[in-house]
Each structure stands twice: as structure tokens, then as C-alpha cells.
PDB file of N, CA and C in Angstrom:
ATOM      1  N   MET A   1       4.182 -10.260   9.288  1.00  0.00           N
ATOM      2  CA  MET A   1       5.321  -9.799   8.519  1.00  0.00           C
ATOM      3  C   MET A   1       4.867  -8.671   7.594  1.00  0.00           C
ATOM      4  N   LEU A   2       5.782  -7.766   7.357  1.00  0.00           N
ATOM      5  CA  LEU A   2       5.517  -6.594   6.533  1.00  0.00           C
ATOM      6  C   LEU A   2       6.610  -6.506   5.470  1.00  0.00           C
ATOM      7  N   PRO A   3       6.272  -6.122   4.245  1.00  0.00           N
ATOM      8  CA  PRO A   3       7.330  -5.944   3.241  1.00  0.00           C
ATOM      9  C   PRO A   3       8.216  -4.757   3.620  1.00  0.00           C
ATOM     10  N   THR A   4       9.420  -4.752   3.102  1.00  0.00           N
ATOM     11  CA  THR A   4      10.277  -3.588   3.274  1.00  0.00           C
ATOM     12  C   THR A   4       9.740  -2.458   2.403  1.00  0.00           C
ATOM     13  N   ARG A   5      10.272  -1.289   2.612  1.00  0.00           N
ATOM     14  CA  ARG A   5       9.872  -0.140   1.791  1.00  0.00           C
ATOM     15  C   ARG A   5      10.168  -0.423   0.315  1.00  0.00           C
ATOM     16  N   LYS A   6      11.339  -0.965   0.039  1.00  0.00           N
ATOM     17  CA  LYS A   6      11.716  -1.276  -1.343  1.00  0.00           C
ATOM     18  C   LYS A   6      10.770  -2.308  -1.945  1.00  0.00           C
ATOM     19  N   GLN A   7      10.422  -3.334  -1.177  1.00  0.00           N
ATOM     20  CA  GLN A   7       9.487  -4.352  -1.661  1.00  0.00           C
ATOM     21  C   GLN A   7       8.109  -3.745  -1.905  1.00  0.00           C
ATOM     22  N   ALA A   8       7.659  -2.880  -1.000  1.00  0.00           N
ATOM     23  CA  ALA A   8       6.349  -2.237  -1.149  1.00  0.00           C
ATOM     24  C   ALA A   8       6.314  -1.352  -2.393  1.00  0.00           C
ATOM     25  N   GLU A   9       7.399  -0.623  -2.625  1.00  0.00           N
ATOM     26  CA  GLU A   9       7.461   0.221  -3.822  1.00  0.00           C
ATOM     27  C   GLU A   9       7.407  -0.632  -5.088  1.00  0.00           C
ATOM     28  N   GLN A  10       8.079  -1.782  -5.061  1.00  0.00           N
ATOM     29  CA  GLN A  10       8.060  -2.687  -6.213  1.00  0.00           C
ATOM     30  C   GLN A  10       6.665  -3.285  -6.415  1.00  0.00           C
ATOM     31  N   LEU A  11       6.014  -3.678  -5.334  1.00  0.00           N
ATOM     32  CA  LEU A  11       4.646  -4.214  -5.427  1.00  0.00           C
ATOM     33  C   LEU A  11       3.712  -3.184  -6.047  1.00  0.00           C
ATOM     34  N   LEU A  12       3.853  -1.931  -5.646  1.00  0.00           N
ATOM     35  CA  LEU A  12       3.000  -0.875  -6.189  1.00  0.00           C
ATOM     36  C   LEU A  12       3.282  -0.666  -7.679  1.00  0.00           C
ATOM     37  N   LYS A  13       4.545  -0.658  -8.071  1.00  0.00           N
ATOM     38  CA  LYS A  13       4.884  -0.504  -9.491  1.00  0.00           C
ATOM     39  C   LYS A  13       4.309  -1.639 -10.331  1.00  0.00           C
ATOM     40  N   GLU A  14       4.438  -2.854  -9.837  1.00  0.00           N
ATOM     41  CA  GLU A  14       3.879  -4.014 -10.557  1.00  0.00           C
ATOM     42  C   GLU A  14       2.366  -3.894 -10.675  1.00  0.00           C
ATOM     43  N   ALA A  15       1.730  -3.473  -9.608  1.00  0.00           N
ATOM     44  CA  ALA A  15       0.275  -3.327  -9.604  1.00  0.00           C
ATOM     45  C   ALA A  15      -0.172  -2.254 -10.592  1.00  0.00           C
ATOM     46  N   GLU A  16       0.571  -1.168 -10.671  1.00  0.00           N
ATOM     47  CA  GLU A  16       0.240  -0.095 -11.614  1.00  0.00           C
ATOM     48  C   GLU A  16       0.351  -0.579 -13.062  1.00  0.00           C
ATOM     49  N   ARG A  17       1.287  -1.473 -13.328  1.00  0.00           N
ATOM     50  CA  ARG A  17       1.404  -2.015 -14.687  1.00  0.00           C
ATOM     51  C   ARG A  17       0.171  -2.859 -15.028  1.00  0.00           C
ATOM     52  N   CYS A  18      -0.385  -3.535 -14.039  1.00  0.00           N
ATOM     53  CA  CYS A  18      -1.580  -4.361 -14.261  1.00  0.00           C
ATOM     54  C   CYS A  18      -2.836  -3.515 -14.431  1.00  0.00           C
ATOM     55  N   ASN A  19      -2.906  -2.412 -13.722  1.00  0.00           N
ATOM     56  CA  ASN A  19      -4.090  -1.555 -13.754  1.00  0.00           C
ATOM     57  C   ASN A  19      -3.651  -0.090 -13.632  1.00  0.00           C
ATOM     58  N   PRO A  20      -3.224   0.500 -14.746  1.00  0.00           N
ATOM     59  CA  PRO A  20      -2.753   1.896 -14.706  1.00  0.00           C
ATOM     60  C   PRO A  20      -3.854   2.852 -14.243  1.00  0.00           C
ATOM     61  N   GLY A  21      -3.423   3.917 -13.612  1.00  0.00           N
ATOM     62  CA  GLY A  21      -4.377   4.935 -13.184  1.00  0.00           C
ATOM     63  C   GLY A  21      -3.788   5.830 -12.114  1.00  0.00           C
ATOM     64  N   GLN A  22      -4.563   6.794 -11.705  1.00  0.00           N
ATOM     65  CA  GLN A  22      -4.115   7.773 -10.710  1.00  0.00           C
ATOM     66  C   GLN A  22      -4.003   7.192  -9.310  1.00  0.00           C
ATOM     67  N   TRP A  23      -4.518   6.002  -9.113  1.00  0.00           N
ATOM     68  CA  TRP A  23      -4.498   5.415  -7.783  1.00  0.00           C
ATOM     69  C   TRP A  23      -3.075   5.178  -7.276  1.00  0.00           C
ATOM     70  N   GLY A  24      -2.120   4.981  -8.183  1.00  0.00           N
ATOM     71  CA  GLY A  24      -0.732   4.781  -7.765  1.00  0.00           C
ATOM     72  C   GLY A  24      -0.157   6.034  -7.121  1.00  0.00           C
ATOM     73  N   ASP A  25      -0.372   7.175  -7.762  1.00  0.00           N
ATOM     74  CA  ASP A  25       0.096   8.431  -7.172  1.00  0.00           C
ATOM     75  C   ASP A  25      -0.658   8.746  -5.888  1.00  0.00           C
ATOM     76  N   HIS A  26      -1.934   8.420  -5.854  1.00  0.00           N
ATOM     77  CA  HIS A  26      -2.721   8.588  -4.627  1.00  0.00           C
ATOM     78  C   HIS A  26      -2.099   7.779  -3.492  1.00  0.00           C
ATOM     79  N   SER A  27      -1.666   6.556  -3.782  1.00  0.00           N
ATOM     80  CA  SER A  27      -1.054   5.708  -2.757  1.00  0.00           C
ATOM     81  C   SER A  27       0.262   6.302  -2.268  1.00  0.00           C
ATOM     82  N   ARG A  28       1.038   6.874  -3.166  1.00  0.00           N
ATOM     83  CA  ARG A  28       2.297   7.518  -2.767  1.00  0.00           C
ATOM     84  C   ARG A  28       2.028   8.736  -1.888  1.00  0.00           C
ATOM     85  N   THR A  29       0.999   9.505  -2.238  1.00  0.00           N
ATOM     86  CA  THR A  29       0.628  10.657  -1.413  1.00  0.00           C
ATOM     87  C   THR A  29       0.174  10.199  -0.035  1.00  0.00           C
ATOM     88  N   ALA A  30      -0.638   9.155   0.010  1.00  0.00           N
ATOM     89  CA  ALA A  30      -1.092   8.610   1.296  1.00  0.00           C
ATOM     90  C   ALA A  30       0.097   8.147   2.135  1.00  0.00           C
ATOM     91  N   ALA A  31       1.084   7.547   1.480  1.00  0.00           N
ATOM     92  CA  ALA A  31       2.271   7.074   2.190  1.00  0.00           C
ATOM     93  C   ALA A  31       3.035   8.238   2.827  1.00  0.00           C
ATOM     94  N   HIS A  32       3.226   9.303   2.063  1.00  0.00           N
ATOM     95  CA  HIS A  32       3.940  10.470   2.595  1.00  0.00           C
ATOM     96  C   HIS A  32       3.162  11.101   3.753  1.00  0.00           C
ATOM     97  N   CYS A  33       1.854  11.204   3.604  1.00  0.00           N
ATOM     98  CA  CYS A  33       1.023  11.768   4.673  1.00  0.00           C
ATOM     99  C   CYS A  33       1.067  10.890   5.923  1.00  0.00           C
ATOM    100  N   ALA A  34       0.955   9.581   5.732  1.00  0.00           N
ATOM    101  CA  ALA A  34       0.984   8.658   6.869  1.00  0.00           C
ATOM    102  C   ALA A  34       2.318   8.751   7.605  1.00  0.00           C
ATOM    103  N   ARG A  35       3.405   8.839   6.860  1.00  0.00           N
ATOM    104  CA  ARG A  35       4.730   8.966   7.479  1.00  0.00           C
ATOM    105  C   ARG A  35       4.815  10.246   8.298  1.00  0.00           C
ATOM    106  N   ASN A  36       4.353  11.362   7.726  1.00  0.00           N
ATOM    107  CA  ASN A  36       4.415  12.642   8.440  1.00  0.00           C
ATOM    108  C   ASN A  36       3.547  12.641   9.689  1.00  0.00           C
ATOM    109  N   ILE A  37       2.389  12.038   9.614  1.00  0.00           N
ATOM    110  CA  ILE A  37       1.528  11.931  10.800  1.00  0.00           C
ATOM    111  C   ILE A  37       2.221  11.105  11.870  1.00  0.00           C
ATOM    112  N   ALA A  38       2.813   9.980  11.473  1.00  0.00           N
ATOM    113  CA  ALA A  38       3.512   9.117  12.428  1.00  0.00           C
ATOM    114  C   ALA A  38       4.674   9.853  13.094  1.00  0.00           C
ATOM    115  N   LEU A  39       5.384  10.663  12.328  1.00  0.00           N
ATOM    116  CA  LEU A  39       6.494  11.441  12.903  1.00  0.00           C
ATOM    117  C   LEU A  39       6.001  12.408  13.972  1.00  0.00           C
ATOM    118  N   LYS A  40       4.858  13.007  13.743  1.00  0.00           N
ATOM    119  CA  LYS A  40       4.301  13.977  14.696  1.00  0.00           C
ATOM    120  C   LYS A  40       3.753  13.296  15.951  1.00  0.00           C
ATOM    121  N   CYS A  41       3.295  12.061  15.802  1.00  0.00           N
ATOM    122  CA  CYS A  41       2.700  11.353  16.939  1.00  0.00           C
ATOM    123  C   CYS A  41       3.756  10.843  17.922  1.00  0.00           C
ATOM    124  N   GLY A  42       4.907  10.522  17.416  1.00  0.00           N
ATOM    125  CA  GLY A  42       5.985  10.092  18.286  1.00  0.00           C
ATOM    126  C   GLY A  42       5.976   8.631  18.680  1.00  0.00           C
ATOM    127  N   ASP A  43       4.817   8.052  18.873  1.00  0.00           N
ATOM    128  CA  ASP A  43       4.757   6.652  19.294  1.00  0.00           C
ATOM    129  C   ASP A  43       4.393   5.709  18.145  1.00  0.00           C
ATOM    130  N   LEU A  44       4.401   6.214  16.920  1.00  0.00           N
ATOM    131  CA  LEU A  44       4.121   5.413  15.735  1.00  0.00           C
ATOM    132  C   LEU A  44       5.385   5.259  14.907  1.00  0.00           C
ATOM    133  N   ASP A  45       5.470   4.181  14.164  1.00  0.00           N
ATOM    134  CA  ASP A  45       6.630   3.891  13.331  1.00  0.00           C
ATOM    135  C   ASP A  45       6.436   4.548  11.958  1.00  0.00           C
ATOM    136  N   PRO A  46       7.185   5.606  11.648  1.00  0.00           N
ATOM    137  CA  PRO A  46       7.009   6.312  10.379  1.00  0.00           C
ATOM    138  C   PRO A  46       7.268   5.430   9.158  1.00  0.00           C
ATOM    139  N   GLU A  47       8.215   4.514   9.238  1.00  0.00           N
ATOM    140  CA  GLU A  47       8.519   3.639   8.112  1.00  0.00           C
ATOM    141  C   GLU A  47       7.368   2.667   7.854  1.00  0.00           C
ATOM    142  N   LYS A  48       6.831   2.114   8.913  1.00  0.00           N
ATOM    143  CA  LYS A  48       5.680   1.211   8.781  1.00  0.00           C
ATOM    144  C   LYS A  48       4.484   1.973   8.229  1.00  0.00           C
ATOM    145  N   ALA A  49       4.263   3.179   8.717  1.00  0.00           N
ATOM    146  CA  ALA A  49       3.149   4.001   8.230  1.00  0.00           C
ATOM    147  C   ALA A  49       3.306   4.273   6.735  1.00  0.00           C
ATOM    148  N   TYR A  50       4.530   4.557   6.298  1.00  0.00           N
ATOM    149  CA  TYR A  50       4.788   4.814   4.883  1.00  0.00           C
ATOM    150  C   TYR A  50       4.475   3.572   4.057  1.00  0.00           C
ATOM    151  N   ILE A  51       4.967   2.426   4.479  1.00  0.00           N
ATOM    152  CA  ILE A  51       4.747   1.172   3.749  1.00  0.00           C
ATOM    153  C   ILE A  51       3.257   0.863   3.650  1.00  0.00           C
ATOM    154  N   LEU A  52       2.547   0.986   4.755  1.00  0.00           N
ATOM    155  CA  LEU A  52       1.116   0.695   4.739  1.00  0.00           C
ATOM    156  C   LEU A  52       0.344   1.705   3.898  1.00  0.00           C
ATOM    157  N   GLY A  53       0.795   2.947   3.883  1.00  0.00           N
ATOM    158  CA  GLY A  53       0.184   3.947   3.007  1.00  0.00           C
ATOM    159  C   GLY A  53       0.367   3.580   1.540  1.00  0.00           C
ATOM    160  N   LEU A  54       1.575   3.127   1.195  1.00  0.00           N
ATOM    161  CA  LEU A  54       1.827   2.704  -0.190  1.00  0.00           C
ATOM    162  C   LEU A  54       0.899   1.580  -0.612  1.00  0.00           C
ATOM    163  N   LEU A  55       0.626   0.672   0.303  1.00  0.00           N
ATOM    164  CA  LEU A  55      -0.083  -0.558  -0.044  1.00  0.00           C
ATOM    165  C   LEU A  55      -1.580  -0.526   0.254  1.00  0.00           C
ATOM    166  N   HIS A  56      -2.081   0.588   0.752  1.00  0.00           N
ATOM    167  CA  HIS A  56      -3.474   0.589   1.204  1.00  0.00           C
ATOM    168  C   HIS A  56      -4.486   0.327   0.082  1.00  0.00           C
ATOM    169  N   ASP A  57      -4.119   0.567  -1.157  1.00  0.00           N
ATOM    170  CA  ASP A  57      -5.016   0.300  -2.292  1.00  0.00           C
ATOM    171  C   ASP A  57      -4.461  -0.769  -3.237  1.00  0.00           C
ATOM    172  N   ILE A  58      -3.568  -1.610  -2.754  1.00  0.00           N
ATOM    173  CA  ILE A  58      -2.874  -2.571  -3.618  1.00  0.00           C
ATOM    174  C   ILE A  58      -3.842  -3.515  -4.340  1.00  0.00           C
ATOM    175  N   GLY A  59      -5.020  -3.715  -3.803  1.00  0.00           N
ATOM    176  CA  GLY A  59      -6.020  -4.563  -4.453  1.00  0.00           C
ATOM    177  C   GLY A  59      -6.511  -4.013  -5.776  1.00  0.00           C
ATOM    178  N   ARG A  60      -6.250  -2.744  -6.036  1.00  0.00           N
ATOM    179  CA  ARG A  60      -6.623  -2.164  -7.331  1.00  0.00           C
ATOM    180  C   ARG A  60      -5.801  -2.775  -8.462  1.00  0.00           C
ATOM    181  N   LYS A  61      -4.773  -3.513  -8.105  1.00  0.00           N
ATOM    182  CA  LYS A  61      -3.997  -4.251  -9.108  1.00  0.00           C
ATOM    183  C   LYS A  61      -4.919  -5.109  -9.966  1.00  0.00           C
ATOM    184  N   PHE A  62      -5.979  -5.601  -9.357  1.00  0.00           N
ATOM    185  CA  PHE A  62      -6.888  -6.525 -10.022  1.00  0.00           C
ATOM    186  C   PHE A  62      -8.084  -5.839 -10.658  1.00  0.00           C
ATOM    187  N   GLY A  63      -8.070  -4.511 -10.686  1.00  0.00           N
ATOM    188  CA  GLY A  63      -9.134  -3.752 -11.316  1.00  0.00           C
ATOM    189  C   GLY A  63      -9.938  -2.953 -10.303  1.00  0.00           C
ATOM    190  N   ALA A  64     -10.771  -2.095 -10.822  1.00  0.00           N
ATOM    191  CA  ALA A  64     -11.603  -1.238  -9.981  1.00  0.00           C
ATOM    192  C   ALA A  64     -12.935  -1.930  -9.721  1.00  0.00           C
ATOM    193  N   ARG A  65     -13.177  -2.244  -8.458  1.00  0.00           N
ATOM    194  CA  ARG A  65     -14.441  -2.877  -8.065  1.00  0.00           C
ATOM    195  C   ARG A  65     -14.988  -2.176  -6.822  1.00  0.00           C
ATOM    196  N   HIS A  66     -15.067  -0.876  -6.854  1.00  0.00           N
ATOM    197  CA  HIS A  66     -15.487  -0.066  -5.726  1.00  0.00           C
ATOM    198  C   HIS A  66     -14.742  -0.529  -4.487  1.00  0.00           C
ATOM    199  N   LEU A  67     -15.389  -1.121  -3.528  1.00  0.00           N
ATOM    200  CA  LEU A  67     -14.693  -1.580  -2.320  1.00  0.00           C
ATOM    201  C   LEU A  67     -14.162  -2.999  -2.447  1.00  0.00           C
ATOM    202  N   GLY A  68     -14.363  -3.634  -3.595  1.00  0.00           N
ATOM    203  CA  GLY A  68     -13.835  -4.982  -3.810  1.00  0.00           C
ATOM    204  C   GLY A  68     -12.326  -5.026  -3.744  1.00  0.00           C
ATOM    205  N   HIS A  69     -11.686  -3.885  -4.028  1.00  0.00           N
ATOM    206  CA  HIS A  69     -10.223  -3.857  -3.979  1.00  0.00           C
ATOM    207  C   HIS A  69      -9.693  -4.086  -2.569  1.00  0.00           C
ATOM    208  N   VAL A  70     -10.521  -3.822  -1.563  1.00  0.00           N
ATOM    209  CA  VAL A  70     -10.099  -4.045  -0.179  1.00  0.00           C
ATOM    210  C   VAL A  70      -9.884  -5.540   0.059  1.00  0.00           C
ATOM    211  N   ALA A  71     -10.875  -6.338  -0.296  1.00  0.00           N
ATOM    212  CA  ALA A  71     -10.759  -7.791  -0.134  1.00  0.00           C
ATOM    213  C   ALA A  71      -9.683  -8.353  -1.059  1.00  0.00           C
ATOM    214  N   ASP A  72      -9.608  -7.825  -2.272  1.00  0.00           N
ATOM    215  CA  ASP A  72      -8.577  -8.280  -3.216  1.00  0.00           C
ATOM    216  C   ASP A  72      -7.182  -8.009  -2.669  1.00  0.00           C
ATOM    217  N   GLY A  73      -6.992  -6.831  -2.117  1.00  0.00           N
ATOM    218  CA  GLY A  73      -5.692  -6.466  -1.561  1.00  0.00           C
ATOM    219  C   GLY A  73      -5.329  -7.313  -0.363  1.00  0.00           C
ATOM    220  N   TYR A  74      -6.297  -7.552   0.498  1.00  0.00           N
ATOM    221  CA  TYR A  74      -6.064  -8.402   1.673  1.00  0.00           C
ATOM    222  C   TYR A  74      -5.644  -9.806   1.235  1.00  0.00           C
ATOM    223  N   SER A  75      -6.385 -10.383   0.329  1.00  0.00           N
ATOM    224  CA  SER A  75      -6.076 -11.736  -0.143  1.00  0.00           C
ATOM    225  C   SER A  75      -4.716 -11.786  -0.822  1.00  0.00           C
ATOM    226  N   TYR A  76      -4.426 -10.777  -1.620  1.00  0.00           N
ATOM    227  CA  TYR A  76      -3.150 -10.730  -2.329  1.00  0.00           C
ATOM    228  C   TYR A  76      -1.977 -10.660  -1.352  1.00  0.00           C
ATOM    229  N   MET A  77      -2.054  -9.755  -0.397  1.00  0.00           N
ATOM    230  CA  MET A  77      -0.955  -9.610   0.559  1.00  0.00           C
ATOM    231  C   MET A  77      -0.797 -10.860   1.424  1.00  0.00           C
ATOM    232  N   GLN A  78      -1.911 -11.472   1.805  1.00  0.00           N
ATOM    233  CA  GLN A  78      -1.840 -12.725   2.563  1.00  0.00           C
ATOM    234  C   GLN A  78      -1.152 -13.809   1.735  1.00  0.00           C
ATOM    235  N   SER A  79      -1.458 -13.866   0.444  1.00  0.00           N
ATOM    236  CA  SER A  79      -0.877 -14.895  -0.423  1.00  0.00           C
ATOM    237  C   SER A  79       0.636 -14.720  -0.568  1.00  0.00           C
ATOM    238  N   LEU A  80       1.120 -13.499  -0.350  1.00  0.00           N
ATOM    239  CA  LEU A  80       2.555 -13.246  -0.425  1.00  0.00           C
ATOM    240  C   LEU A  80       3.252 -13.451   0.928  1.00  0.00           C
ATOM    241  N   GLY A  81       2.459 -13.782   1.941  1.00  0.00           N
ATOM    242  CA  GLY A  81       3.019 -14.025   3.272  1.00  0.00           C
ATOM    243  C   GLY A  81       3.087 -12.801   4.164  1.00  0.00           C
ATOM    244  N   TYR A  82       2.468 -11.707   3.734  1.00  0.00           N
ATOM    245  CA  TYR A  82       2.452 -10.486   4.533  1.00  0.00           C
ATOM    246  C   TYR A  82       1.166 -10.438   5.340  1.00  0.00           C
ATOM    247  N   ASP A  83       1.264 -10.781   6.595  1.00  0.00           N
ATOM    248  CA  ASP A  83       0.074 -10.935   7.428  1.00  0.00           C
ATOM    249  C   ASP A  83      -0.265  -9.695   8.250  1.00  0.00           C
ATOM    250  N   GLU A  84       0.576  -8.672   8.162  1.00  0.00           N
ATOM    251  CA  GLU A  84       0.244  -7.428   8.897  1.00  0.00           C
ATOM    252  C   GLU A  84      -0.661  -6.574   8.032  1.00  0.00           C
TER     253      GLU A  84
END
């Protein structure tokens, strides 16, 4: 399961409140880039690419731990029932 775009945007906003920084805008930029790449490829889902771009650094909600945010983000999304 994957969150909707609206849910993903809300998750990112909540995460930014927990750990403010430039990473939130970076995630939005990644989302826009991922969507545009998916549009050009034709066989990719642009909406899914956008959502995953938004959430690719969601583990930073729990602080900056170099690559620790990857595991934190995975665990967090799994705990919310998002298994994709």
C-alpha cells in the first residue's frame, strides 16, 4: 500500500515540524524530478514517482543520522501500514 499524494504531503509536513531543515524542500524537488522522469519514460506511474520522491527522506523526521534515516524511514512507513 502507498499513501495518497495528499497523505504523503501531510507526512512530510509533520516530519519537517519534528526536524526542520532544507531536507523538506529537497524532498519536494526530488518528487517533481521523479514525476517528470516518469512522464518521459511512459511505462512508469508519475503519481507514484512523485509520492515516493516526497517520502524518500522521511526518516529524517527522527533526526540526522547520516544513512540511519533510511532505516528510520523504512520502519516508520511500515508502522503506518505502507509496505511499498
